[in-house]
Amino acid sequence: MSPRTYKASEQTKSNILQKAIELFNESGTASISMNALAEALGISAGNLQYHYKSKEEMIRAILEQMFSEFDVIYQPTEGQFTLDTLRQLMRLNFGIIWKYHFFYRELTALLRNDKNLAKRYREIQEQRIIQQENLIKRLAGEGIVRSDLHPNELRKVVSIGWVLGNTWLSYAESMGHKINEAALTEAVEIMVQHYKPYLQESK
């Protein structure tokens, strides 16, 4: 495959994922067939299946893309870590969750129906929790976060934060809240409230 052909193929795959995310967000994964997706893209079903053999394979690719976007949140922060820093990180976090909200709406069903997806999700989840623990440990070493957290307590603090982030969308929608700028701001403040007691100086 020539470099030009490879680039075109990668662009096609990117376009497919972008359209799939859009349709899954609008209608849910169960309502969008491979044929419907191909029609929306203006390509043949055979062309679509050349790039992604099944919807499950496509959703696995979306998972990888989504978590690659989360990587920016786990980059080392520069300067003093404050509540405003935390708010900025949480804003990025919930922005990505909203971009891929079909995944969080259907999380349990998607993982139950695809063992490969579930295995990969668990691997990434454990990696992220460890990264968050290491971030808190680093901040504790810098005197920004309380340094008296027992490892078991630290894991619980991080796990609660992970659960809050992953289930916030379902909670908000179950309460009849419209997901808009105000709702995202509220989600950020909920996370800030969770972590605030562990910062040495809350601003």
C-alpha atoms as a PDB file:
ATOM      1  CA  MET A   1       0.000   0.000   0.000  1.00  0.00           C
ATOM      2  CA  SER A   2       1.463   3.331  -1.045  1.00  0.00           C
ATOM      3  CA  PRO A   3       1.736   6.193   1.505  1.00  0.00           C
ATOM      4  CA  ARG A   4      -0.982   8.085  -0.347  1.00  0.00           C
ATOM      5  CA  THR A   5      -3.336   5.082  -0.320  1.00  0.00           C
ATOM      6  CA  TYR A   6      -2.591   4.467   3.358  1.00  0.00           C
ATOM      7  CA  LYS A   7      -3.381   8.073   4.230  1.00  0.00           C
ATOM      8  CA  ALA A   8      -6.659   7.915   2.297  1.00  0.00           C
ATOM      9  CA  SER A   9      -7.576   4.666   4.067  1.00  0.00           C
ATOM     10  CA  GLU A  10      -6.832   6.159   7.484  1.00  0.00           C
ATOM     11  CA  GLN A  11      -8.912   9.224   6.624  1.00  0.00           C
ATOM     12  CA  THR A  12     -11.802   6.986   5.594  1.00  0.00           C
ATOM     13  CA  LYS A  13     -11.580   5.097   8.885  1.00  0.00           C
ATOM     14  CA  SER A  14     -11.534   8.393  10.782  1.00  0.00           C
ATOM     15  CA  ASN A  15     -14.611   9.593   8.865  1.00  0.00           C
ATOM     16  CA  ILE A  16     -16.412   6.344   9.646  1.00  0.00           C
ATOM     17  CA  LEU A  17     -15.737   6.656  13.368  1.00  0.00           C
ATOM     18  CA  GLN A  18     -16.780  10.300  13.423  1.00  0.00           C
ATOM     19  CA  LYS A  19     -20.105   9.520  11.740  1.00  0.00           C
ATOM     20  CA  ALA A  20     -20.635   6.454  13.943  1.00  0.00           C
ATOM     21  CA  ILE A  21     -20.129   8.519  17.099  1.00  0.00           C
ATOM     22  CA  GLU A  22     -22.590  11.118  15.812  1.00  0.00           C
ATOM     23  CA  LEU A  23     -25.268   8.529  15.018  1.00  0.00           C
ATOM     24  CA  PHE A  24     -24.685   6.481  18.179  1.00  0.00           C
ATOM     25  CA  ASN A  25     -25.023   9.650  20.259  1.00  0.00           C
ATOM     26  CA  GLU A  26     -28.262  10.571  18.506  1.00  0.00           C
ATOM     27  CA  SER A  27     -29.979   7.186  18.370  1.00  0.00           C
ATOM     28  CA  GLY A  28     -28.014   4.615  20.387  1.00  0.00           C
ATOM     29  CA  THR A  29     -25.902   1.756  19.083  1.00  0.00           C
ATOM     30  CA  ALA A  30     -28.770  -0.739  18.786  1.00  0.00           C
ATOM     31  CA  SER A  31     -30.687   1.524  16.392  1.00  0.00           C
ATOM     32  CA  ILE A  32     -27.812   2.018  13.946  1.00  0.00           C
ATOM     33  CA  SER A  33     -27.059  -0.919  11.667  1.00  0.00           C
ATOM     34  CA  MET A  34     -23.973  -1.271   9.508  1.00  0.00           C
ATOM     35  CA  ASN A  35     -26.176  -0.659   6.454  1.00  0.00           C
ATOM     36  CA  ALA A  36     -27.618   2.520   7.984  1.00  0.00           C
ATOM     37  CA  LEU A  37     -24.141   3.769   8.810  1.00  0.00           C
ATOM     38  CA  ALA A  38     -22.900   3.022   5.286  1.00  0.00           C
ATOM     39  CA  GLU A  39     -25.874   4.903   3.838  1.00  0.00           C
ATOM     40  CA  ALA A  40     -25.203   7.897   6.100  1.00  0.00           C
ATOM     41  CA  LEU A  41     -21.581   7.910   4.941  1.00  0.00           C
ATOM     42  CA  GLY A  42     -22.528   7.596   1.291  1.00  0.00           C
ATOM     43  CA  ILE A  43     -20.480   4.423   0.820  1.00  0.00           C
ATOM     44  CA  SER A  44     -21.358   0.802   0.152  1.00  0.00           C
ATOM     45  CA  ALA A  45     -21.826  -1.697   2.974  1.00  0.00           C
ATOM     46  CA  GLY A  46     -18.945  -3.670   1.500  1.00  0.00           C
ATOM     47  CA  ASN A  47     -16.651  -0.645   1.656  1.00  0.00           C
ATOM     48  CA  LEU A  48     -17.634  -0.044   5.267  1.00  0.00           C
ATOM     49  CA  GLN A  49     -16.942  -3.665   6.206  1.00  0.00           C
ATOM     50  CA  TYR A  50     -13.569  -3.480   4.480  1.00  0.00           C
ATOM     51  CA  HIS A  51     -12.547  -0.984   7.165  1.00  0.00           C
ATOM     52  CA  TYR A  52     -14.618  -2.340  10.082  1.00  0.00           C
ATOM     53  CA  LYS A  53     -15.998  -5.851   9.918  1.00  0.00           C
ATOM     54  CA  SER A  54     -18.619  -5.267  12.601  1.00  0.00           C
ATOM     55  CA  LYS A  55     -20.162  -2.658  14.834  1.00  0.00           C
ATOM     56  CA  GLU A  56     -18.356  -4.244  17.785  1.00  0.00           C
ATOM     57  CA  GLU A  57     -14.998  -3.708  16.091  1.00  0.00           C
ATOM     58  CA  MET A  58     -15.961  -0.101  15.443  1.00  0.00           C
ATOM     59  CA  ILE A  59     -16.924   0.504  19.078  1.00  0.00           C
ATOM     60  CA  ARG A  60     -13.596  -0.956  20.206  1.00  0.00           C
ATOM     61  CA  ALA A  61     -11.832   1.526  17.923  1.00  0.00           C
ATOM     62  CA  ILE A  62     -13.951   4.336  19.364  1.00  0.00           C
ATOM     63  CA  LEU A  63     -12.910   3.259  22.877  1.00  0.00           C
ATOM     64  CA  GLU A  64      -9.242   3.577  21.939  1.00  0.00           C
ATOM     65  CA  GLN A  65      -9.819   6.972  20.333  1.00  0.00           C
ATOM     66  CA  MET A  66     -11.766   8.211  23.338  1.00  0.00           C
ATOM     67  CA  PHE A  67      -9.154   7.209  25.873  1.00  0.00           C
ATOM     68  CA  SER A  68      -6.357   8.667  23.753  1.00  0.00           C
ATOM     69  CA  GLU A  69      -8.157  12.002  24.156  1.00  0.00           C
ATOM     70  CA  PHE A  70      -8.274  11.471  27.914  1.00  0.00           C
ATOM     71  CA  ASP A  71      -4.456  11.181  27.872  1.00  0.00           C
ATOM     72  CA  VAL A  72      -4.117  14.972  27.887  1.00  0.00           C
ATOM     73  CA  ILE A  73      -5.735  15.082  31.327  1.00  0.00           C
ATOM     74  CA  TYR A  74      -3.016  12.876  32.761  1.00  0.00           C
ATOM     75  CA  GLN A  75      -0.098  14.942  31.513  1.00  0.00           C
ATOM     76  CA  PRO A  76       2.002  16.562  34.268  1.00  0.00           C
ATOM     77  CA  THR A  77       0.621  19.963  35.210  1.00  0.00           C
ATOM     78  CA  GLU A  78       2.824  23.035  35.361  1.00  0.00           C
ATOM     79  CA  GLY A  79       2.741  25.521  38.220  1.00  0.00           C
ATOM     80  CA  GLN A  80       0.784  25.285  41.452  1.00  0.00           C
ATOM     81  CA  PHE A  81      -2.111  22.838  41.534  1.00  0.00           C
ATOM     82  CA  THR A  82      -5.224  24.627  42.845  1.00  0.00           C
ATOM     83  CA  LEU A  83      -8.973  24.160  42.755  1.00  0.00           C
ATOM     84  CA  ASP A  84      -8.976  26.104  39.497  1.00  0.00           C
ATOM     85  CA  THR A  85      -6.504  23.583  38.061  1.00  0.00           C
ATOM     86  CA  LEU A  86      -8.826  20.799  39.182  1.00  0.00           C
ATOM     87  CA  ARG A  87     -11.791  22.569  37.585  1.00  0.00           C
ATOM     88  CA  GLN A  88      -9.931  22.847  34.283  1.00  0.00           C
ATOM     89  CA  LEU A  89      -9.080  19.134  34.337  1.00  0.00           C
ATOM     90  CA  MET A  90     -12.655  18.173  35.199  1.00  0.00           C
ATOM     91  CA  ARG A  91     -13.978  20.418  32.444  1.00  0.00           C
ATOM     92  CA  LEU A  92     -11.793  18.538  29.951  1.00  0.00           C
ATOM     93  CA  ASN A  93     -12.944  15.250  31.448  1.00  0.00           C
ATOM     94  CA  PHE A  94     -16.662  15.945  31.124  1.00  0.00           C
ATOM     95  CA  GLY A  95     -16.215  17.500  27.702  1.00  0.00           C
ATOM     96  CA  ILE A  96     -14.841  14.176  26.457  1.00  0.00           C
ATOM     97  CA  ILE A  97     -17.574  12.214  28.246  1.00  0.00           C
ATOM     98  CA  TRP A  98     -20.190  14.324  26.485  1.00  0.00           C
ATOM     99  CA  LYS A  99     -18.451  13.936  23.120  1.00  0.00           C
ATOM    100  CA  TYR A 100     -18.790  10.139  23.483  1.00  0.00           C
ATOM    101  CA  HIS A 101     -21.919  10.091  25.619  1.00  0.00           C
ATOM    102  CA  PHE A 102     -23.467   7.060  23.914  1.00  0.00           C
ATOM    103  CA  PHE A 103     -20.680   4.970  25.451  1.00  0.00           C
ATOM    104  CA  TYR A 104     -21.485   6.096  28.996  1.00  0.00           C
ATOM    105  CA  ARG A 105     -25.242   5.763  28.483  1.00  0.00           C
ATOM    106  CA  GLU A 106     -24.792   2.176  27.325  1.00  0.00           C
ATOM    107  CA  LEU A 107     -21.662   1.242  29.258  1.00  0.00           C
ATOM    108  CA  THR A 108     -23.015  -1.821  31.084  1.00  0.00           C
ATOM    109  CA  ALA A 109     -24.739  -3.271  28.011  1.00  0.00           C
ATOM    110  CA  LEU A 110     -21.753  -2.642  25.734  1.00  0.00           C
ATOM    111  CA  LEU A 111     -19.345  -4.366  28.118  1.00  0.00           C
ATOM    112  CA  ARG A 112     -21.729  -7.261  28.707  1.00  0.00           C
ATOM    113  CA  ASN A 113     -22.215  -7.869  24.985  1.00  0.00           C
ATOM    114  CA  ASP A 114     -18.551  -7.731  23.948  1.00  0.00           C
ATOM    115  CA  LYS A 115     -16.029  -9.612  26.082  1.00  0.00           C
ATOM    116  CA  ASN A 116     -13.098  -8.136  24.171  1.00  0.00           C
ATOM    117  CA  LEU A 117     -14.368  -4.613  24.782  1.00  0.00           C
ATOM    118  CA  ALA A 118     -14.942  -5.397  28.463  1.00  0.00           C
ATOM    119  CA  LYS A 119     -11.415  -6.785  28.858  1.00  0.00           C
ATOM    120  CA  ARG A 120      -9.838  -3.758  27.211  1.00  0.00           C
ATOM    121  CA  TYR A 121     -12.000  -1.334  29.185  1.00  0.00           C
ATOM    122  CA  ARG A 122     -10.964  -2.980  32.478  1.00  0.00           C
ATOM    123  CA  GLU A 123      -7.302  -2.746  31.481  1.00  0.00           C
ATOM    124  CA  ILE A 124      -7.592   0.956  30.708  1.00  0.00           C
ATOM    125  CA  GLN A 125      -9.687   1.595  33.811  1.00  0.00           C
ATOM    126  CA  GLU A 126      -7.100   0.028  36.104  1.00  0.00           C
ATOM    127  CA  GLN A 127      -4.325   1.963  34.359  1.00  0.00           C
ATOM    128  CA  ARG A 128      -6.213   5.249  34.808  1.00  0.00           C
ATOM    129  CA  ILE A 129      -6.905   4.609  38.486  1.00  0.00           C
ATOM    130  CA  ILE A 130      -3.206   3.930  39.078  1.00  0.00           C
ATOM    131  CA  GLN A 131      -2.313   7.123  37.187  1.00  0.00           C
ATOM    132  CA  GLN A 132      -4.704   9.117  39.361  1.00  0.00           C
ATOM    133  CA  GLU A 133      -3.252   7.559  42.517  1.00  0.00           C
ATOM    134  CA  ASN A 134       0.253   8.479  41.356  1.00  0.00           C
ATOM    135  CA  LEU A 135      -0.867  12.048  40.628  1.00  0.00           C
ATOM    136  CA  ILE A 136      -2.275  12.412  44.143  1.00  0.00           C
ATOM    137  CA  LYS A 137       0.883  10.916  45.636  1.00  0.00           C
ATOM    138  CA  ARG A 138       2.993  13.397  43.670  1.00  0.00           C
ATOM    139  CA  LEU A 139       0.827  16.296  44.811  1.00  0.00           C
ATOM    140  CA  ALA A 140       1.101  15.028  48.396  1.00  0.00           C
ATOM    141  CA  GLY A 141       4.884  15.033  48.048  1.00  0.00           C
ATOM    142  CA  GLU A 142       4.669  18.648  46.900  1.00  0.00           C
ATOM    143  CA  GLY A 143       2.547  19.588  49.911  1.00  0.00           C
ATOM    144  CA  ILE A 144      -0.547  20.298  47.807  1.00  0.00           C
ATOM    145  CA  VAL A 145      -2.589  17.277  48.884  1.00  0.00           C
ATOM    146  CA  ARG A 146      -2.850  15.786  52.364  1.00  0.00           C
ATOM    147  CA  SER A 147       0.037  13.405  52.932  1.00  0.00           C
ATOM    148  CA  ASP A 148      -1.679  11.320  55.617  1.00  0.00           C
ATOM    149  CA  LEU A 149      -3.826   9.249  53.236  1.00  0.00           C
ATOM    150  CA  HIS A 150      -3.409   5.508  53.769  1.00  0.00           C
ATOM    151  CA  PRO A 151      -2.996   3.591  50.463  1.00  0.00           C
ATOM    152  CA  ASN A 152      -6.407   1.947  50.981  1.00  0.00           C
ATOM    153  CA  GLU A 153      -8.013   5.329  51.618  1.00  0.00           C
ATOM    154  CA  LEU A 154      -6.283   6.778  48.570  1.00  0.00           C
ATOM    155  CA  ARG A 155      -7.633   3.977  46.370  1.00  0.00           C
ATOM    156  CA  LYS A 156     -11.159   4.589  47.708  1.00  0.00           C
ATOM    157  CA  VAL A 157     -10.927   8.343  47.073  1.00  0.00           C
ATOM    158  CA  VAL A 158      -9.818   7.732  43.491  1.00  0.00           C
ATOM    159  CA  SER A 159     -12.390   4.974  42.934  1.00  0.00           C
ATOM    160  CA  ILE A 160     -15.228   7.205  44.124  1.00  0.00           C
ATOM    161  CA  GLY A 161     -14.044   9.926  41.766  1.00  0.00           C
ATOM    162  CA  TRP A 162     -13.938   7.431  38.893  1.00  0.00           C
ATOM    163  CA  VAL A 163     -17.468   6.212  39.627  1.00  0.00           C
ATOM    164  CA  LEU A 164     -18.780   9.772  39.895  1.00  0.00           C
ATOM    165  CA  GLY A 165     -17.274  10.680  36.541  1.00  0.00           C
ATOM    166  CA  ASN A 166     -18.505   7.593  34.730  1.00  0.00           C
ATOM    167  CA  THR A 167     -22.055   7.650  36.083  1.00  0.00           C
ATOM    168  CA  TRP A 168     -22.742  11.390  36.172  1.00  0.00           C
ATOM    169  CA  LEU A 169     -24.395  11.443  32.734  1.00  0.00           C
ATOM    170  CA  SER A 170     -26.843   8.657  33.601  1.00  0.00           C
ATOM    171  CA  TYR A 171     -27.655  10.352  36.896  1.00  0.00           C
ATOM    172  CA  ALA A 172     -28.256  13.759  35.308  1.00  0.00           C
ATOM    173  CA  GLU A 173     -30.496  12.363  32.593  1.00  0.00           C
ATOM    174  CA  SER A 174     -32.419  10.175  35.060  1.00  0.00           C
ATOM    175  CA  MET A 175     -33.190  13.361  37.006  1.00  0.00           C
ATOM    176  CA  GLY A 176     -34.565  14.953  33.858  1.00  0.00           C
ATOM    177  CA  HIS A 177     -31.706  17.442  33.541  1.00  0.00           C
ATOM    178  CA  LYS A 178     -30.915  18.797  30.100  1.00  0.00           C
ATOM    179  CA  ILE A 179     -27.237  18.319  29.343  1.00  0.00           C
ATOM    180  CA  ASN A 180     -26.007  21.824  28.610  1.00  0.00           C
ATOM    181  CA  GLU A 181     -23.305  24.210  29.802  1.00  0.00           C
ATOM    182  CA  ALA A 182     -24.924  24.595  33.214  1.00  0.00           C
ATOM    183  CA  ALA A 183     -25.134  20.823  33.671  1.00  0.00           C
ATOM    184  CA  LEU A 184     -21.474  20.380  32.743  1.00  0.00           C
ATOM    185  CA  THR A 185     -20.510  23.121  35.198  1.00  0.00           C
ATOM    186  CA  GLU A 186     -22.486  21.358  37.925  1.00  0.00           C
ATOM    187  CA  ALA A 187     -20.705  18.081  37.141  1.00  0.00           C
ATOM    188  CA  VAL A 188     -17.346  19.832  37.472  1.00  0.00           C
ATOM    189  CA  GLU A 189     -18.318  21.303  40.834  1.00  0.00           C
ATOM    190  CA  ILE A 190     -19.483  17.904  42.101  1.00  0.00           C
ATOM    191  CA  MET A 191     -16.030  16.503  41.360  1.00  0.00           C
ATOM    192  CA  VAL A 192     -14.339  19.519  42.933  1.00  0.00           C
ATOM    193  CA  GLN A 193     -16.434  19.020  46.072  1.00  0.00           C
ATOM    194  CA  HIS A 194     -15.312  15.386  46.218  1.00  0.00           C
ATOM    195  CA  TYR A 195     -11.588  16.197  46.025  1.00  0.00           C
ATOM    196  CA  LYS A 196     -11.627  19.535  47.862  1.00  0.00           C
ATOM    197  CA  PRO A 197     -11.216  18.109  51.403  1.00  0.00           C
ATOM    198  CA  TYR A 198      -7.955  16.483  50.377  1.00  0.00           C
ATOM    199  CA  LEU A 199      -6.266  19.662  49.184  1.00  0.00           C
ATOM    200  CA  GLN A 200      -4.117  21.373  51.763  1.00  0.00           C
ATOM    201  CA  GLU A 201      -5.316  24.820  50.782  1.00  0.00           C
ATOM    202  CA  SER A 202      -8.716  25.133  49.096  1.00  0.00           C
ATOM    203  CA  LYS A 203      -9.093  28.290  47.035  1.00  0.00           C
END
